[in-house]
Amino acid sequence: MMRNADGKLPVITQPAESGCGCDRRTLLGGLAVGALAVGCRIDDPGIDNMTPDAGPLPDGTTGTGFETCGSGNVCVDLTHPLNMNLNTVGLSRVIQQGTQKIIIARTSDNEFVTMSAICTHSGCTVRYAMAASQMQCPCHGSKFGLDGTVAMGPANRDLNVFDNDFDQAGNLLTITLA
């Protein structure tokens, strides 16, 4: 920048023209919107270790692996190929039953955790982090205990937890939604 005759920098009262034709505020605002559009996540090593949902269907496989049963229940057939993750302790699956998005995580040989898969902060789908024994939101870093309680914000409301019953002989998990 050129200095005045007295050696001082000139005072600029109007925004300087730039190659983009915008001022600093507009440029920074655009960068913020771009970051939101791309998405963000809190750098948490537990997020990288979360279990994925079931993979693609084997050829000839039909159905979802779960169905409505009883009054307000969902029955999950653990022999169905889409539910193979649920046969291994530490893995999980997210299912959609009506308006409910439910995460199912196998926490031991005979126990499952079933709860809403929708983070109460901004609606992202939570994931099961076995090593941390919690559900974690990959969008903004909220963490929930396996009882649904908020362990770390920004979420400030607990996840809905659903009772379940595992019939080991029939390899069937019944989730009570009502």
N, C-alpha and C. Protein backbone atom coordinates (compact mmCIF):
# COMPACT_ATOMS: atom_id res chain seq x y z
N MET A 1 0.85 -1.17 0.00
CA MET A 1 0.00 0.00 0.00
C MET A 1 0.90 1.23 0.00
N MET A 2 0.49 2.22 -0.73
CA MET A 2 1.26 3.47 -0.85
C MET A 2 1.06 4.32 0.40
N ARG A 3 2.11 4.96 0.85
CA ARG A 3 2.04 5.86 2.00
C ARG A 3 1.81 7.29 1.52
N ASN A 4 1.19 8.09 2.41
CA ASN A 4 1.00 9.51 2.10
C ASN A 4 2.34 10.22 2.08
N ALA A 5 2.33 11.47 1.66
CA ALA A 5 3.56 12.27 1.62
C ALA A 5 4.19 12.38 2.99
N ASP A 6 3.36 12.36 4.08
CA ASP A 6 3.93 12.47 5.42
C ASP A 6 4.41 11.11 5.95
N GLY A 7 4.36 10.04 5.13
CA GLY A 7 4.87 8.72 5.52
C GLY A 7 3.84 7.84 6.20
N LYS A 8 2.63 8.35 6.43
CA LYS A 8 1.59 7.57 7.11
C LYS A 8 0.75 6.83 6.08
N LEU A 9 0.13 5.73 6.54
CA LEU A 9 -0.78 5.00 5.68
C LEU A 9 -2.07 5.77 5.53
N PRO A 10 -2.67 5.77 4.37
CA PRO A 10 -3.93 6.50 4.19
C PRO A 10 -5.08 5.82 4.92
N VAL A 11 -6.05 6.62 5.35
CA VAL A 11 -7.26 6.10 5.99
C VAL A 11 -8.25 5.79 4.88
N ILE A 12 -8.74 4.55 4.88
CA ILE A 12 -9.69 4.15 3.85
C ILE A 12 -11.08 4.18 4.47
N THR A 13 -11.97 4.95 3.89
CA THR A 13 -13.31 5.07 4.44
C THR A 13 -14.31 4.20 3.71
N GLN A 14 -14.02 3.75 2.52
CA GLN A 14 -14.90 2.88 1.75
C GLN A 14 -14.20 1.53 1.61
N PRO A 15 -14.97 0.44 1.54
CA PRO A 15 -14.31 -0.86 1.33
C PRO A 15 -13.52 -0.85 0.03
N ALA A 16 -12.34 -1.40 0.12
CA ALA A 16 -11.50 -1.47 -1.07
C ALA A 16 -12.09 -2.46 -2.05
N GLU A 17 -11.97 -2.15 -3.32
CA GLU A 17 -12.43 -3.06 -4.35
C GLU A 17 -11.49 -4.26 -4.37
N SER A 18 -12.05 -5.41 -4.51
CA SER A 18 -11.21 -6.61 -4.62
C SER A 18 -11.62 -7.36 -5.87
N GLY A 19 -10.86 -8.35 -6.20
CA GLY A 19 -11.14 -9.12 -7.40
C GLY A 19 -12.49 -9.83 -7.34
N CYS A 20 -13.01 -10.11 -6.11
CA CYS A 20 -14.27 -10.85 -6.03
C CYS A 20 -15.48 -9.94 -6.00
N GLY A 21 -15.28 -8.64 -5.82
CA GLY A 21 -16.40 -7.72 -5.82
C GLY A 21 -17.23 -7.77 -4.55
N CYS A 22 -16.62 -8.23 -3.45
CA CYS A 22 -17.37 -8.30 -2.20
C CYS A 22 -16.51 -7.80 -1.05
N ASP A 23 -17.17 -7.38 0.03
CA ASP A 23 -16.41 -6.92 1.17
C ASP A 23 -16.09 -8.09 2.10
N ARG A 24 -15.32 -7.81 3.13
CA ARG A 24 -14.84 -8.85 4.06
C ARG A 24 -16.00 -9.58 4.73
N ARG A 25 -17.02 -8.86 5.17
CA ARG A 25 -18.16 -9.47 5.86
C ARG A 25 -18.88 -10.47 4.95
N THR A 26 -19.10 -10.07 3.70
CA THR A 26 -19.77 -10.96 2.74
C THR A 26 -18.92 -12.20 2.48
N LEU A 27 -17.63 -12.00 2.32
CA LEU A 27 -16.72 -13.12 2.07
C LEU A 27 -16.73 -14.10 3.24
N LEU A 28 -16.60 -13.60 4.47
CA LEU A 28 -16.59 -14.47 5.65
C LEU A 28 -17.93 -15.17 5.84
N GLY A 29 -19.01 -14.46 5.55
CA GLY A 29 -20.33 -15.07 5.64
C GLY A 29 -20.47 -16.22 4.65
N GLY A 30 -19.95 -16.02 3.46
CA GLY A 30 -19.99 -17.07 2.44
C GLY A 30 -19.17 -18.28 2.85
N LEU A 31 -18.02 -18.04 3.47
CA LEU A 31 -17.20 -19.15 3.96
C LEU A 31 -17.93 -19.93 5.04
N ALA A 32 -18.62 -19.24 5.93
CA ALA A 32 -19.36 -19.93 7.00
C ALA A 32 -20.48 -20.79 6.43
N VAL A 33 -21.20 -20.27 5.46
CA VAL A 33 -22.27 -21.04 4.82
C VAL A 33 -21.69 -22.26 4.10
N GLY A 34 -20.55 -22.07 3.44
CA GLY A 34 -19.90 -23.18 2.75
C GLY A 34 -19.48 -24.28 3.72
N ALA A 35 -18.97 -23.89 4.89
CA ALA A 35 -18.57 -24.88 5.89
C ALA A 35 -19.78 -25.67 6.38
N LEU A 36 -20.91 -25.01 6.55
CA LEU A 36 -22.12 -25.71 6.98
C LEU A 36 -22.62 -26.65 5.90
N ALA A 37 -22.52 -26.23 4.64
CA ALA A 37 -22.99 -27.07 3.54
C ALA A 37 -22.15 -28.33 3.42
N VAL A 38 -20.85 -28.21 3.64
CA VAL A 38 -19.97 -29.37 3.56
C VAL A 38 -20.16 -30.24 4.79
N GLY A 39 -20.46 -29.64 5.92
CA GLY A 39 -20.64 -30.39 7.16
C GLY A 39 -19.40 -30.27 8.01
N CYS A 40 -19.59 -30.55 9.29
CA CYS A 40 -18.47 -30.47 10.20
C CYS A 40 -18.58 -31.62 11.19
N ARG A 41 -17.50 -31.90 11.85
CA ARG A 41 -17.54 -32.91 12.89
C ARG A 41 -16.48 -32.57 13.91
N ILE A 42 -16.72 -32.98 15.08
CA ILE A 42 -15.75 -32.78 16.15
C ILE A 42 -14.70 -33.87 16.00
N ASP A 43 -13.43 -33.52 16.12
CA ASP A 43 -12.38 -34.51 15.97
C ASP A 43 -12.36 -35.40 17.21
N ASP A 44 -12.94 -36.55 17.11
CA ASP A 44 -13.06 -37.49 18.21
C ASP A 44 -12.65 -38.87 17.71
N PRO A 45 -11.61 -39.46 18.30
CA PRO A 45 -11.17 -40.75 17.81
C PRO A 45 -12.24 -41.82 17.90
N GLY A 46 -13.21 -41.68 18.79
CA GLY A 46 -14.28 -42.67 18.91
C GLY A 46 -15.18 -42.69 17.69
N ILE A 47 -15.31 -41.58 17.00
CA ILE A 47 -16.19 -41.50 15.83
C ILE A 47 -15.67 -42.41 14.72
N ASP A 48 -14.36 -42.48 14.54
CA ASP A 48 -13.80 -43.31 13.49
C ASP A 48 -13.99 -44.80 13.77
N ASN A 49 -14.23 -45.17 15.02
CA ASN A 49 -14.36 -46.57 15.39
C ASN A 49 -15.81 -47.02 15.48
N MET A 50 -16.75 -46.19 15.05
CA MET A 50 -18.15 -46.56 15.14
C MET A 50 -18.49 -47.60 14.09
N THR A 51 -19.46 -48.43 14.44
CA THR A 51 -19.84 -49.51 13.55
C THR A 51 -20.74 -49.00 12.44
N PRO A 52 -20.53 -49.49 11.22
CA PRO A 52 -21.38 -49.09 10.10
C PRO A 52 -22.70 -49.83 10.12
N ASP A 53 -23.65 -49.33 9.38
CA ASP A 53 -24.92 -50.02 9.21
C ASP A 53 -24.68 -51.24 8.33
N ALA A 54 -25.69 -52.08 8.22
CA ALA A 54 -25.57 -53.29 7.40
C ALA A 54 -25.20 -52.94 5.97
N GLY A 55 -24.48 -53.82 5.34
CA GLY A 55 -24.01 -53.60 3.98
C GLY A 55 -25.10 -53.91 2.96
N PRO A 56 -24.70 -54.05 1.69
CA PRO A 56 -25.68 -54.31 0.63
C PRO A 56 -26.32 -55.70 0.78
N LEU A 57 -27.51 -55.84 0.22
CA LEU A 57 -28.23 -57.11 0.28
C LEU A 57 -27.57 -58.16 -0.61
N PRO A 58 -27.45 -59.39 -0.10
CA PRO A 58 -26.98 -60.46 -0.98
C PRO A 58 -28.02 -60.70 -2.08
N ASP A 59 -27.58 -61.21 -3.20
CA ASP A 59 -28.49 -61.49 -4.32
C ASP A 59 -29.65 -62.37 -3.87
N GLY A 60 -30.85 -62.00 -4.30
CA GLY A 60 -32.04 -62.79 -3.99
C GLY A 60 -32.65 -62.52 -2.63
N THR A 61 -32.02 -61.67 -1.81
CA THR A 61 -32.55 -61.38 -0.49
C THR A 61 -33.67 -60.34 -0.61
N THR A 62 -34.75 -60.57 0.12
CA THR A 62 -35.86 -59.62 0.12
C THR A 62 -36.19 -59.22 1.54
N GLY A 63 -36.95 -58.16 1.67
CA GLY A 63 -37.41 -57.71 2.99
C GLY A 63 -36.41 -56.79 3.67
N THR A 64 -36.84 -56.34 4.85
CA THR A 64 -36.04 -55.39 5.62
C THR A 64 -35.36 -56.03 6.81
N GLY A 65 -35.80 -57.25 7.17
CA GLY A 65 -35.23 -57.91 8.34
C GLY A 65 -35.97 -57.59 9.62
N PHE A 66 -37.03 -56.77 9.51
CA PHE A 66 -37.86 -56.46 10.67
C PHE A 66 -39.27 -56.20 10.21
N GLU A 67 -40.23 -56.32 11.15
CA GLU A 67 -41.63 -56.06 10.83
C GLU A 67 -42.38 -55.67 12.08
N THR A 68 -43.55 -55.07 11.87
CA THR A 68 -44.42 -54.74 12.99
C THR A 68 -44.98 -56.03 13.56
N CYS A 69 -45.00 -56.13 14.87
CA CYS A 69 -45.56 -57.31 15.51
C CYS A 69 -46.22 -56.88 16.81
N GLY A 70 -47.27 -57.58 17.20
CA GLY A 70 -47.97 -57.21 18.43
C GLY A 70 -48.54 -55.81 18.32
N SER A 71 -48.73 -55.20 19.45
CA SER A 71 -49.31 -53.86 19.51
C SER A 71 -48.21 -52.83 19.73
N GLY A 72 -47.77 -52.21 18.63
CA GLY A 72 -46.73 -51.18 18.74
C GLY A 72 -45.33 -51.73 18.90
N ASN A 73 -45.09 -52.96 18.50
CA ASN A 73 -43.76 -53.55 18.62
C ASN A 73 -43.12 -53.72 17.25
N VAL A 74 -41.81 -53.87 17.26
CA VAL A 74 -41.05 -54.20 16.06
C VAL A 74 -40.27 -55.47 16.36
N CYS A 75 -40.42 -56.47 15.48
CA CYS A 75 -39.68 -57.73 15.63
C CYS A 75 -38.54 -57.74 14.62
N VAL A 76 -37.34 -57.96 15.12
CA VAL A 76 -36.14 -57.97 14.29
C VAL A 76 -35.62 -59.40 14.21
N ASP A 77 -35.62 -59.94 12.99
CA ASP A 77 -35.16 -61.30 12.74
C ASP A 77 -33.64 -61.29 12.58
N LEU A 78 -32.93 -61.83 13.55
CA LEU A 78 -31.47 -61.78 13.52
C LEU A 78 -30.86 -62.77 12.52
N THR A 79 -31.69 -63.60 11.88
CA THR A 79 -31.18 -64.50 10.85
C THR A 79 -31.20 -63.85 9.47
N HIS A 80 -31.89 -62.72 9.34
CA HIS A 80 -31.98 -62.01 8.06
C HIS A 80 -30.61 -61.40 7.73
N PRO A 81 -30.19 -61.47 6.46
CA PRO A 81 -28.87 -60.93 6.07
C PRO A 81 -28.64 -59.47 6.44
N LEU A 82 -29.67 -58.64 6.43
CA LEU A 82 -29.49 -57.23 6.80
C LEU A 82 -29.18 -57.05 8.29
N ASN A 83 -29.44 -58.09 9.08
CA ASN A 83 -29.22 -57.99 10.52
C ASN A 83 -27.97 -58.73 10.98
N MET A 84 -27.10 -59.12 10.05
CA MET A 84 -25.90 -59.88 10.41
C MET A 84 -25.02 -59.12 11.41
N ASN A 85 -24.97 -57.78 11.32
CA ASN A 85 -24.20 -57.00 12.30
C ASN A 85 -24.66 -57.29 13.72
N LEU A 86 -25.95 -57.54 13.88
CA LEU A 86 -26.50 -57.71 15.23
C LEU A 86 -26.16 -59.06 15.84
N ASN A 87 -25.50 -59.93 15.10
CA ASN A 87 -25.06 -61.20 15.65
C ASN A 87 -23.68 -61.11 16.28
N THR A 88 -23.07 -59.94 16.23
CA THR A 88 -21.74 -59.73 16.79
C THR A 88 -21.81 -58.65 17.87
N VAL A 89 -21.31 -58.99 19.06
CA VAL A 89 -21.27 -58.01 20.16
C VAL A 89 -20.44 -56.81 19.71
N GLY A 90 -20.98 -55.63 19.93
CA GLY A 90 -20.29 -54.39 19.58
C GLY A 90 -20.72 -53.77 18.27
N LEU A 91 -21.54 -54.49 17.49
CA LEU A 91 -22.00 -53.93 16.23
C LEU A 91 -23.44 -53.44 16.35
N SER A 92 -23.90 -52.73 15.33
CA SER A 92 -25.21 -52.09 15.43
C SER A 92 -25.87 -52.00 14.06
N ARG A 93 -27.13 -51.57 14.09
CA ARG A 93 -27.89 -51.31 12.87
C ARG A 93 -28.91 -50.23 13.17
N VAL A 94 -29.17 -49.38 12.19
CA VAL A 94 -30.22 -48.37 12.29
C VAL A 94 -31.36 -48.82 11.38
N ILE A 95 -32.58 -48.80 11.92
CA ILE A 95 -33.76 -49.14 11.12
C ILE A 95 -34.75 -47.99 11.17
N GLN A 96 -35.62 -47.95 10.19
CA GLN A 96 -36.69 -46.95 10.12
C GLN A 96 -38.02 -47.68 10.21
N GLN A 97 -38.79 -47.40 11.27
CA GLN A 97 -40.11 -47.99 11.43
C GLN A 97 -41.12 -46.85 11.53
N GLY A 98 -41.85 -46.62 10.45
CA GLY A 98 -42.77 -45.48 10.41
C GLY A 98 -41.97 -44.19 10.52
N THR A 99 -42.30 -43.38 11.51
CA THR A 99 -41.58 -42.13 11.71
C THR A 99 -40.41 -42.29 12.68
N GLN A 100 -40.25 -43.48 13.24
CA GLN A 100 -39.19 -43.74 14.21
C GLN A 100 -37.92 -44.23 13.51
N LYS A 101 -36.81 -43.60 13.80
CA LYS A 101 -35.51 -44.09 13.37
C LYS A 101 -34.86 -44.65 14.64
N ILE A 102 -34.53 -45.94 14.61
CA ILE A 102 -34.10 -46.66 15.81
C ILE A 102 -32.70 -47.23 15.60
N ILE A 103 -31.84 -47.03 16.60
CA ILE A 103 -30.54 -47.68 16.57
C ILE A 103 -30.60 -48.88 17.50
N ILE A 104 -30.11 -50.01 16.99
CA ILE A 104 -30.04 -51.26 17.75
C ILE A 104 -28.57 -51.59 17.89
N ALA A 105 -28.09 -51.76 19.11
CA ALA A 105 -26.69 -52.11 19.33
C ALA A 105 -26.62 -53.35 20.22
N ARG A 106 -25.82 -54.31 19.82
CA ARG A 106 -25.63 -55.51 20.63
C ARG A 106 -24.50 -55.22 21.60
N THR A 107 -24.82 -55.20 22.89
CA THR A 107 -23.84 -54.84 23.91
C THR A 107 -23.25 -56.05 24.63
N SER A 108 -23.88 -57.21 24.52
CA SER A 108 -23.34 -58.46 25.09
C SER A 108 -24.00 -59.62 24.36
N ASP A 109 -23.66 -60.85 24.76
CA ASP A 109 -24.23 -62.02 24.09
C ASP A 109 -25.75 -62.04 24.15
N ASN A 110 -26.32 -61.53 25.24
CA ASN A 110 -27.77 -61.62 25.44
C ASN A 110 -28.46 -60.27 25.59
N GLU A 111 -27.75 -59.17 25.36
CA GLU A 111 -28.35 -57.86 25.60
C GLU A 111 -28.17 -56.93 24.41
N PHE A 112 -29.22 -56.13 24.20
CA PHE A 112 -29.24 -55.12 23.15
C PHE A 112 -29.68 -53.79 23.76
N VAL A 113 -29.22 -52.71 23.17
CA VAL A 113 -29.69 -51.37 23.51
C VAL A 113 -30.48 -50.90 22.30
N THR A 114 -31.69 -50.37 22.54
CA THR A 114 -32.53 -49.86 21.45
C THR A 114 -33.02 -48.46 21.85
N MET A 115 -32.76 -47.49 20.98
CA MET A 115 -33.16 -46.12 21.28
C MET A 115 -33.32 -45.33 19.99
N SER A 116 -33.85 -44.13 20.15
CA SER A 116 -33.97 -43.23 19.00
C SER A 116 -32.58 -42.98 18.43
N ALA A 117 -32.48 -43.01 17.11
CA ALA A 117 -31.20 -42.78 16.44
C ALA A 117 -31.03 -41.32 16.04
N ILE A 118 -31.97 -40.47 16.42
CA ILE A 118 -31.95 -39.06 16.01
C ILE A 118 -31.41 -38.20 17.15
N CYS A 119 -30.27 -37.56 16.90
CA CYS A 119 -29.68 -36.67 17.90
C CYS A 119 -30.65 -35.54 18.22
N THR A 120 -30.80 -35.25 19.50
CA THR A 120 -31.75 -34.22 19.93
C THR A 120 -31.21 -32.81 19.72
N HIS A 121 -29.98 -32.68 19.25
CA HIS A 121 -29.43 -31.35 18.98
C HIS A 121 -29.86 -30.84 17.60
N SER A 122 -29.50 -31.59 16.54
CA SER A 122 -29.84 -31.08 15.20
C SER A 122 -30.36 -32.16 14.25
N GLY A 123 -30.70 -33.32 14.79
CA GLY A 123 -31.36 -34.34 13.98
C GLY A 123 -30.47 -35.28 13.20
N CYS A 124 -29.18 -35.27 13.43
CA CYS A 124 -28.28 -36.20 12.75
C CYS A 124 -28.48 -37.61 13.32
N THR A 125 -28.06 -38.61 12.58
CA THR A 125 -28.18 -40.00 13.03
C THR A 125 -26.97 -40.35 13.91
N VAL A 126 -27.25 -40.78 15.14
CA VAL A 126 -26.18 -41.16 16.05
C VAL A 126 -25.62 -42.52 15.66
N ARG A 127 -24.45 -42.82 16.15
CA ARG A 127 -23.79 -44.10 15.90
C ARG A 127 -23.34 -44.69 17.22
N TYR A 128 -23.24 -46.01 17.23
CA TYR A 128 -22.79 -46.71 18.43
C TYR A 128 -21.27 -46.77 18.45
N ALA A 129 -20.68 -46.27 19.53
CA ALA A 129 -19.23 -46.33 19.73
C ALA A 129 -18.98 -47.33 20.84
N MET A 130 -18.70 -48.57 20.46
CA MET A 130 -18.55 -49.65 21.41
C MET A 130 -17.44 -49.36 22.43
N ALA A 131 -16.28 -48.90 21.97
CA ALA A 131 -15.15 -48.67 22.87
C ALA A 131 -15.49 -47.67 23.97
N ALA A 132 -16.34 -46.71 23.65
CA ALA A 132 -16.73 -45.69 24.63
C ALA A 132 -18.03 -46.04 25.35
N SER A 133 -18.68 -47.13 24.95
CA SER A 133 -19.99 -47.54 25.50
C SER A 133 -20.98 -46.39 25.46
N GLN A 134 -21.14 -45.79 24.28
CA GLN A 134 -22.07 -44.68 24.14
C GLN A 134 -22.48 -44.51 22.69
N MET A 135 -23.52 -43.71 22.52
CA MET A 135 -23.94 -43.28 21.20
C MET A 135 -23.31 -41.92 20.98
N GLN A 136 -22.83 -41.69 19.75
CA GLN A 136 -22.17 -40.42 19.44
C GLN A 136 -22.74 -39.85 18.16
N CYS A 137 -22.86 -38.54 18.15
CA CYS A 137 -23.35 -37.84 16.96
C CYS A 137 -22.15 -37.35 16.17
N PRO A 138 -22.02 -37.78 14.92
CA PRO A 138 -20.88 -37.36 14.11
C PRO A 138 -20.96 -35.91 13.62
N CYS A 139 -22.10 -35.27 13.75
CA CYS A 139 -22.26 -33.90 13.23
C CYS A 139 -21.64 -32.85 14.14
N HIS A 140 -21.98 -32.88 15.43
CA HIS A 140 -21.51 -31.83 16.32
C HIS A 140 -20.90 -32.35 17.61
N GLY A 141 -20.75 -33.69 17.72
CA GLY A 141 -20.02 -34.25 18.85
C GLY A 141 -20.82 -34.60 20.08
N SER A 142 -22.14 -34.50 20.04
CA SER A 142 -22.92 -34.89 21.22
C SER A 142 -22.70 -36.36 21.51
N LYS A 143 -22.73 -36.69 22.81
CA LYS A 143 -22.55 -38.08 23.24
C LYS A 143 -23.66 -38.43 24.21
N PHE A 144 -24.12 -39.69 24.13
CA PHE A 144 -25.22 -40.16 24.95
C PHE A 144 -24.83 -41.49 25.59
N GLY A 145 -25.20 -41.65 26.87
CA GLY A 145 -25.00 -42.93 27.54
C GLY A 145 -25.91 -43.98 26.94
N LEU A 146 -25.66 -45.24 27.25
CA LEU A 146 -26.49 -46.31 26.73
C LEU A 146 -27.88 -46.32 27.37
N ASP A 147 -28.09 -45.46 28.35
CA ASP A 147 -29.43 -45.26 28.92
C ASP A 147 -30.12 -44.07 28.28
N GLY A 148 -29.49 -43.48 27.24
CA GLY A 148 -30.07 -42.36 26.50
C GLY A 148 -29.74 -40.99 27.05
N THR A 149 -29.13 -40.90 28.23
CA THR A 149 -28.86 -39.60 28.83
C THR A 149 -27.72 -38.88 28.11
N VAL A 150 -27.80 -37.56 28.08
CA VAL A 150 -26.76 -36.75 27.46
C VAL A 150 -25.50 -36.85 28.32
N ALA A 151 -24.40 -37.27 27.70
CA ALA A 151 -23.11 -37.33 28.39
C ALA A 151 -22.26 -36.10 28.05
N MET A 152 -22.50 -35.54 26.84
CA MET A 152 -21.79 -34.34 26.41
C MET A 152 -22.60 -33.65 25.33
N GLY A 153 -22.72 -32.32 25.46
CA GLY A 153 -23.48 -31.53 24.50
C GLY A 153 -22.72 -31.31 23.23
N PRO A 154 -23.35 -30.59 22.32
CA PRO A 154 -24.34 -29.55 22.54
C PRO A 154 -25.78 -30.04 22.75
N ALA A 155 -26.11 -31.31 22.52
CA ALA A 155 -27.47 -31.78 22.80
C ALA A 155 -27.79 -31.55 24.27
N ASN A 156 -29.03 -31.17 24.57
CA ASN A 156 -29.42 -30.96 25.97
C ASN A 156 -30.66 -31.77 26.34
N ARG A 157 -31.10 -32.66 25.44
CA ARG A 157 -32.21 -33.57 25.74
C ARG A 157 -31.77 -35.01 25.49
N ASP A 158 -32.24 -35.91 26.33
CA ASP A 158 -31.90 -37.33 26.22
C ASP A 158 -32.54 -37.96 24.99
N LEU A 159 -31.98 -39.08 24.56
CA LEU A 159 -32.57 -39.89 23.49
C LEU A 159 -33.65 -40.78 24.10
N ASN A 160 -34.73 -41.03 23.35
CA ASN A 160 -35.76 -41.97 23.81
C ASN A 160 -35.20 -43.38 23.76
N VAL A 161 -35.36 -44.11 24.85
CA VAL A 161 -34.91 -45.50 24.93
C VAL A 161 -36.13 -46.39 24.84
N PHE A 162 -36.02 -47.49 24.09
CA PHE A 162 -37.11 -48.44 23.93
C PHE A 162 -36.75 -49.75 24.61
N ASP A 163 -37.72 -50.31 25.33
CA ASP A 163 -37.53 -51.63 25.93
C ASP A 163 -37.40 -52.65 24.82
N ASN A 164 -36.68 -53.72 25.10
CA ASN A 164 -36.58 -54.81 24.13
C ASN A 164 -36.49 -56.13 24.86
N ASP A 165 -36.80 -57.18 24.13
CA ASP A 165 -36.75 -58.54 24.66
C ASP A 165 -36.08 -59.42 23.62
N PHE A 166 -35.05 -60.15 24.03
CA PHE A 166 -34.32 -61.00 23.10
C PHE A 166 -34.67 -62.46 23.35
N ASP A 167 -35.22 -63.11 22.33
CA ASP A 167 -35.50 -64.54 22.36
C ASP A 167 -34.33 -65.22 21.68
N GLN A 168 -33.39 -65.72 22.49
CA GLN A 168 -32.17 -66.30 21.95
C GLN A 168 -32.47 -67.57 21.14
N ALA A 169 -33.41 -68.38 21.61
CA ALA A 169 -33.74 -69.63 20.89
C ALA A 169 -34.30 -69.32 19.50
N GLY A 170 -35.15 -68.31 19.39
CA GLY A 170 -35.76 -67.95 18.10
C GLY A 170 -34.95 -66.93 17.32
N ASN A 171 -33.84 -66.43 17.95
CA ASN A 171 -32.99 -65.43 17.33
C ASN A 171 -33.83 -64.22 16.88
N LEU A 172 -34.70 -63.75 17.79
CA LEU A 172 -35.63 -62.67 17.50
C LEU A 172 -35.56 -61.61 18.59
N LEU A 173 -35.41 -60.37 18.17
CA LEU A 173 -35.40 -59.23 19.09
C LEU A 173 -36.70 -58.46 18.91
N THR A 174 -37.44 -58.29 20.01
CA THR A 174 -38.69 -57.54 19.98
C THR A 174 -38.47 -56.19 20.66
N ILE A 175 -38.76 -55.11 19.94
CA ILE A 175 -38.59 -53.75 20.47
C ILE A 175 -39.99 -53.19 20.72
N THR A 176 -40.20 -52.68 21.94
CA THR A 176 -41.49 -52.10 22.31
C THR A 176 -41.44 -50.59 22.07
N LEU A 177 -42.22 -50.12 21.10
CA LEU A 177 -42.25 -48.69 20.78
C LEU A 177 -43.35 -47.94 21.52
N ALA A 178 -44.42 -48.65 21.90
CA ALA A 178 -45.57 -47.98 22.54
C ALA A 178 -45.33 -47.75 24.01
